[in-house]
C-alpha atoms as a PDB file:
ATOM      1  CA  MET A   1     119.335  69.929 111.929  1.00  0.00           C
ATOM      2  CA  SER A   2     116.933  68.955 114.710  1.00  0.00           C
ATOM      3  CA  ASN A   3     113.722  70.816 115.469  1.00  0.00           C
ATOM      4  CA  ASN A   4     115.227  72.224 118.654  1.00  0.00           C
ATOM      5  CA  ASN A   5     118.187  73.660 116.736  1.00  0.00           C
ATOM      6  CA  ARG A   6     115.906  75.161 114.090  1.00  0.00           C
ATOM      7  CA  SER A   7     113.787  76.774 116.778  1.00  0.00           C
ATOM      8  CA  MET A   8     116.884  78.292 118.376  1.00  0.00           C
ATOM      9  CA  VAL A   9     118.134  79.627 115.030  1.00  0.00           C
ATOM     10  CA  MET A  10     114.692  81.128 114.302  1.00  0.00           C
ATOM     11  CA  PHE A  11     114.567  82.696 117.772  1.00  0.00           C
ATOM     12  CA  ILE A  12     118.000  84.278 117.292  1.00  0.00           C
ATOM     13  CA  GLY A  13     117.090  85.424 113.771  1.00  0.00           C
ATOM     14  CA  ILE A  14     113.865  87.035 114.965  1.00  0.00           C
ATOM     15  CA  GLY A  15     115.804  88.658 117.819  1.00  0.00           C
ATOM     16  CA  LEU A  16     118.343  90.148 115.396  1.00  0.00           C
ATOM     17  CA  VAL A  17     115.637  91.490 113.093  1.00  0.00           C
ATOM     18  CA  ALA A  18     113.619  92.894 116.004  1.00  0.00           C
ATOM     19  CA  GLY A  19     116.698  94.505 117.553  1.00  0.00           C
ATOM     20  CA  PHE A  20     117.670  96.032 114.213  1.00  0.00           C
ATOM     21  CA  LEU A  21     114.173  97.416 113.626  1.00  0.00           C
ATOM     22  CA  ALA A  22     114.058  98.801 117.170  1.00  0.00           C
ATOM     23  CA  SER A  23     117.412 100.507 116.625  1.00  0.00           C
ATOM     24  CA  LEU A  24     116.066 102.142 113.461  1.00  0.00           C
ATOM     25  CA  ILE A  25     113.172 103.545 115.473  1.00  0.00           C
ATOM     26  CA  VAL A  26     114.914 104.609 118.701  1.00  0.00           C
ATOM     27  CA  GLY A  27     118.572 104.707 117.629  1.00  0.00           C
ATOM     28  CA  GLY A  28     121.533 102.616 118.639  1.00  0.00           C
ATOM     29  CA  GLY A  29     123.503  99.962 116.901  1.00  0.00           C
ATOM     30  CA  GLY A  30     125.880  97.066 116.973  1.00  0.00           C
ATOM     31  CA  LEU A  31     125.254  93.387 116.367  1.00  0.00           C
ATOM     32  CA  ILE A  32     125.406  92.399 120.035  1.00  0.00           C
ATOM     33  CA  THR A  33     123.076  95.255 120.976  1.00  0.00           C
ATOM     34  CA  TYR A  34     120.614  94.152 118.282  1.00  0.00           C
ATOM     35  CA  LEU A  35     120.727  90.574 119.480  1.00  0.00           C
ATOM     36  CA  VAL A  36     120.355  91.308 123.181  1.00  0.00           C
ATOM     37  CA  SER A  37     117.609  93.909 122.805  1.00  0.00           C
ATOM     38  CA  GLY A  38     115.757  91.730 120.297  1.00  0.00           C
ATOM     39  CA  LEU A  39     115.935  88.556 122.380  1.00  0.00           C
ATOM     40  CA  VAL A  40     114.946  90.278 125.607  1.00  0.00           C
ATOM     41  CA  GLY A  41     112.339  92.227 123.645  1.00  0.00           C
ATOM     42  CA  SER A  42     110.805  88.957 122.448  1.00  0.00           C
ATOM     43  CA  PHE A  43     110.050  87.989 126.018  1.00  0.00           C
ATOM     44  CA  VAL A  44     108.941  91.468 127.065  1.00  0.00           C
ATOM     45  CA  GLY A  45     106.710  91.982 124.036  1.00  0.00           C
ATOM     46  CA  GLY A  46     105.207  88.506 124.293  1.00  0.00           C
ATOM     47  CA  TYR A  47     104.488  88.929 127.998  1.00  0.00           C
ATOM     48  CA  LEU A  48     102.988  92.416 127.639  1.00  0.00           C
ATOM     49  CA  PHE A  49     100.810  91.551 124.656  1.00  0.00           C
ATOM     50  CA  SER A  50      99.552  88.443 126.443  1.00  0.00           C
ATOM     51  CA  ALA A  51      98.983  90.197 129.785  1.00  0.00           C
ATOM     52  CA  LEU A  52      97.162  93.106 128.151  1.00  0.00           C
ATOM     53  CA  GLY A  53      95.176  90.854 125.793  1.00  0.00           C
ATOM     54  CA  ILE A  54      96.532  92.581 122.692  1.00  0.00           C
ATOM     55  CA  ASN A  55      95.844  90.752 119.436  1.00  0.00           C
ATOM     56  CA  LEU A  56      97.604  92.253 116.438  1.00  0.00           C
ATOM     57  CA  GLY A  57      95.337  90.511 113.944  1.00  0.00           C
ATOM     58  CA  ILE A  58      98.310  89.471 111.820  1.00  0.00           C
ATOM     59  CA  GLY A  59      97.782  86.061 110.235  1.00  0.00           C
ATOM     60  CA  ASN A  60     101.433  85.292 109.500  1.00  0.00           C
ATOM     61  CA  ALA A  61     103.051  83.918 112.681  1.00  0.00           C
ATOM     62  CA  LEU A  62     106.574  85.015 111.707  1.00  0.00           C
ATOM     63  CA  VAL A  63     105.527  88.610 111.000  1.00  0.00           C
ATOM     64  CA  ARG A  64     103.460  88.681 114.202  1.00  0.00           C
ATOM     65  CA  GLN A  65     106.464  87.498 116.244  1.00  0.00           C
ATOM     66  CA  ILE A  66     108.782  90.057 114.618  1.00  0.00           C
ATOM     67  CA  VAL A  67     106.332  92.899 115.357  1.00  0.00           C
ATOM     68  CA  THR A  68     105.810  91.719 118.940  1.00  0.00           C
ATOM     69  CA  SER A  69     109.563  91.350 119.474  1.00  0.00           C
ATOM     70  CA  THR A  70     110.282  94.750 117.941  1.00  0.00           C
ATOM     71  CA  VAL A  71     107.781  96.462 120.241  1.00  0.00           C
ATOM     72  CA  GLY A  72     109.346  94.651 123.188  1.00  0.00           C
ATOM     73  CA  ALA A  73     112.849  95.618 122.052  1.00  0.00           C
ATOM     74  CA  ILE A  74     111.833  99.278 121.790  1.00  0.00           C
ATOM     75  CA  ILE A  75     110.513  99.109 125.353  1.00  0.00           C
ATOM     76  CA  VAL A  76     113.719  97.417 126.552  1.00  0.00           C
ATOM     77  CA  VAL A  77     115.954 100.020 124.878  1.00  0.00           C
ATOM     78  CA  LEU A  78     113.926 102.946 126.237  1.00  0.00           C
ATOM     79  CA  LEU A  79     113.900 101.483 129.751  1.00  0.00           C
ATOM     80  CA  ALA A  80     117.650 100.861 129.577  1.00  0.00           C
ATOM     81  CA  ARG A  81     118.198 104.483 128.594  1.00  0.00           C
ATOM     82  CA  LEU A  82     116.055 105.691 131.490  1.00  0.00           C
ATOM     83  CA  ILE A  83     118.024 103.587 133.952  1.00  0.00           C
ATOM     84  CA  ALA A  84     121.477 104.410 132.569  1.00  0.00           C
END
């Protein structure tokens, strides 16, 4: 498996975990919903944390990315509910 493929698998895995955790916090469910909210949440969380200069202080990169993605996924789900 090439590095690019591993990165994609990790990105999807983090998205699923983040989407699942977000659904536990704000409700919702379904594999596709987890994946979409988690993947979009990765971008949203990463952008917001960077733009606002937020540093979580978490040394483990994987845990930091999951937390950032989960926060982003929560924001995405709440915004989607406001719009719908």
